[in-house]
C-alpha atoms as a PDB file:
ATOM      1  CA  MET A   1       0.094  -0.022   0.330  1.00  0.00           C
ATOM      2  CA  TYR A   2       1.046   3.625  -0.621  1.00  0.00           C
ATOM      3  CA  PRO A   3      -0.291   5.566   2.039  1.00  0.00           C
ATOM      4  CA  ASN A   4       1.474   8.927   1.010  1.00  0.00           C
ATOM      5  CA  LEU A   5      -0.650   8.651  -2.434  1.00  0.00           C
ATOM      6  CA  LYS A   6      -3.753   7.958  -0.602  1.00  0.00           C
ATOM      7  CA  LEU A   7      -3.136  11.157   1.695  1.00  0.00           C
ATOM      8  CA  GLN A   8      -2.350  13.311  -1.155  1.00  0.00           C
ATOM      9  CA  LEU A   9      -5.366  12.201  -2.934  1.00  0.00           C
ATOM     10  CA  TRP A  10      -7.496  13.279   0.003  1.00  0.00           C
ATOM     11  CA  LYS A  11      -5.459  16.441   0.678  1.00  0.00           C
ATOM     12  CA  CYS A  12      -6.139  17.262  -2.971  1.00  0.00           C
ATOM     13  CA  GLY A  13      -9.591  16.404  -3.019  1.00  0.00           C
ATOM     14  CA  LEU A  14      -9.322  14.337  -5.925  1.00  0.00           C
ATOM     15  CA  ARG A  15     -11.036  11.058  -6.505  1.00  0.00           C
ATOM     16  CA  GLN A  16      -8.988   7.862  -7.640  1.00  0.00           C
ATOM     17  CA  ASN A  17     -11.265   7.753 -11.047  1.00  0.00           C
ATOM     18  CA  HIS A  18     -10.871  11.109 -11.657  1.00  0.00           C
ATOM     19  CA  VAL A  19      -7.094  11.139 -11.403  1.00  0.00           C
ATOM     20  CA  ALA A  20      -6.990   7.737 -13.429  1.00  0.00           C
ATOM     21  CA  LYS A  21      -8.911   9.776 -16.178  1.00  0.00           C
ATOM     22  CA  LEU A  22      -6.872  12.497 -16.030  1.00  0.00           C
ATOM     23  CA  LEU A  23      -3.513  10.019 -16.225  1.00  0.00           C
ATOM     24  CA  GLY A  24      -5.166   7.899 -19.137  1.00  0.00           C
ATOM     25  CA  ILE A  25      -5.140   4.742 -17.295  1.00  0.00           C
ATOM     26  CA  ASP A  26      -8.067   2.601 -16.306  1.00  0.00           C
ATOM     27  CA  ALA A  27      -9.772   3.205 -12.662  1.00  0.00           C
ATOM     28  CA  THR A  28      -9.191  -0.518 -11.586  1.00  0.00           C
ATOM     29  CA  THR A  29      -5.554  -0.008 -12.652  1.00  0.00           C
ATOM     30  CA  MET A  30      -5.383   3.185 -10.360  1.00  0.00           C
ATOM     31  CA  SER A  31      -7.085   1.335  -7.412  1.00  0.00           C
ATOM     32  CA  ARG A  32      -4.408  -1.429  -7.616  1.00  0.00           C
ATOM     33  CA  ILE A  33      -1.363   1.173  -7.712  1.00  0.00           C
ATOM     34  CA  VAL A  34      -2.948   2.680  -4.721  1.00  0.00           C
ATOM     35  CA  ASN A  35      -3.235  -0.339  -2.600  1.00  0.00           C
ATOM     36  CA  GLY A  36      -0.039  -1.463  -3.968  1.00  0.00           C
ATOM     37  CA  ILE A  37      -0.818  -4.433  -5.650  1.00  0.00           C
ATOM     38  CA  ARG A  38       0.420  -3.089  -8.969  1.00  0.00           C
ATOM     39  CA  GLU A  39       3.866  -1.418  -9.564  1.00  0.00           C
ATOM     40  CA  PRO A  40       3.620   2.108 -11.583  1.00  0.00           C
ATOM     41  CA  GLY A  41       6.456   2.756 -14.111  1.00  0.00           C
ATOM     42  CA  PRO A  42       8.531   5.624 -13.870  1.00  0.00           C
ATOM     43  CA  GLU A  43       6.752   7.899 -16.246  1.00  0.00           C
ATOM     44  CA  LEU A  44       3.490   7.054 -14.669  1.00  0.00           C
ATOM     45  CA  ARG A  45       5.183   7.605 -11.132  1.00  0.00           C
ATOM     46  CA  ASN A  46       6.502  11.130 -12.277  1.00  0.00           C
ATOM     47  CA  SER A  47       3.121  12.111 -14.040  1.00  0.00           C
ATOM     48  CA  MET A  48       1.516  11.085 -10.659  1.00  0.00           C
ATOM     49  CA  ALA A  49       3.605  13.477  -8.681  1.00  0.00           C
ATOM     50  CA  ILE A  50       3.232  16.296 -10.910  1.00  0.00           C
ATOM     51  CA  LEU A  51      -0.312  15.869 -11.095  1.00  0.00           C
ATOM     52  CA  LEU A  52      -0.518  15.524  -6.863  1.00  0.00           C
ATOM     53  CA  ARG A  53       2.235  18.255  -6.994  1.00  0.00           C
ATOM     54  CA  CYS A  54       4.421  16.100  -4.290  1.00  0.00           C
ATOM     55  CA  ASP A  55       7.871  14.475  -4.400  1.00  0.00           C
ATOM     56  CA  VAL A  56       7.745  11.027  -6.261  1.00  0.00           C
ATOM     57  CA  VAL A  57       9.883   9.472  -3.802  1.00  0.00           C
ATOM     58  CA  TRP A  58       7.691  10.377  -0.820  1.00  0.00           C
ATOM     59  CA  LEU A  59       4.585   9.614  -2.878  1.00  0.00           C
ATOM     60  CA  PHE A  60       5.529   6.153  -3.337  1.00  0.00           C
ATOM     61  CA  GLU A  61       7.119   5.006   0.008  1.00  0.00           C
ATOM     62  CA  ARG A  62       5.683   1.761   1.191  1.00  0.00           C
ATOM     63  CA  GLN A  63       4.341   1.062   4.618  1.00  0.00           C
ATOM     64  CA  VAL A  64       7.160   0.041   7.284  1.00  0.00           C
ATOM     65  CA  GLU A  65       5.028  -3.739   7.539  1.00  0.00           C
ATOM     66  CA  GLU A  66       5.268  -4.262   3.820  1.00  0.00           C
ATOM     67  CA  LYS A  67       9.321  -3.851   3.759  1.00  0.00           C
ATOM     68  CA  ILE A  68       9.456  -6.689   5.910  1.00  0.00           C
ATOM     69  CA  GLN A  69       9.699  -9.920   3.809  1.00  0.00           C
ATOM     70  CA  ILE A  70       9.048 -13.770   4.821  1.00  0.00           C
ATOM     71  CA  GLY A  71      12.094 -15.307   5.948  1.00  0.00           C
ATOM     72  CA  ASP A  72      13.794 -12.048   7.197  1.00  0.00           C
ATOM     73  CA  THR A  73      14.992 -12.412  10.427  1.00  0.00           C
ATOM     74  CA  VAL A  74      13.467  -9.823  12.961  1.00  0.00           C
ATOM     75  CA  GLU A  75      14.507  -9.277  16.337  1.00  0.00           C
ATOM     76  CA  PRO A  76      12.237  -9.695  19.362  1.00  0.00           C
ATOM     77  CA  LEU A  77      11.271  -6.385  21.227  1.00  0.00           C
ATOM     78  CA  VAL A  78      12.867  -6.458  24.605  1.00  0.00           C
ATOM     79  CA  GLU A  79      11.464  -4.226  27.327  1.00  0.00           C
END
């Protein structure tokens, strides 16, 4: 999931389907991108950042939990 993308859409007052139309992509594709199911290419990422007036790197940061993959060693939290 791209929480910053969702946040920026909300801050700009734009709906996903409207942004999809402006970018020339399908609304389903847009939904999959926002939810982290589909990875947009560099050109689409840049177009989205320009449209939403924000930094492309920030816009496509993933949630911390998603960065941990199966098989990764995680140290237990010690209090």
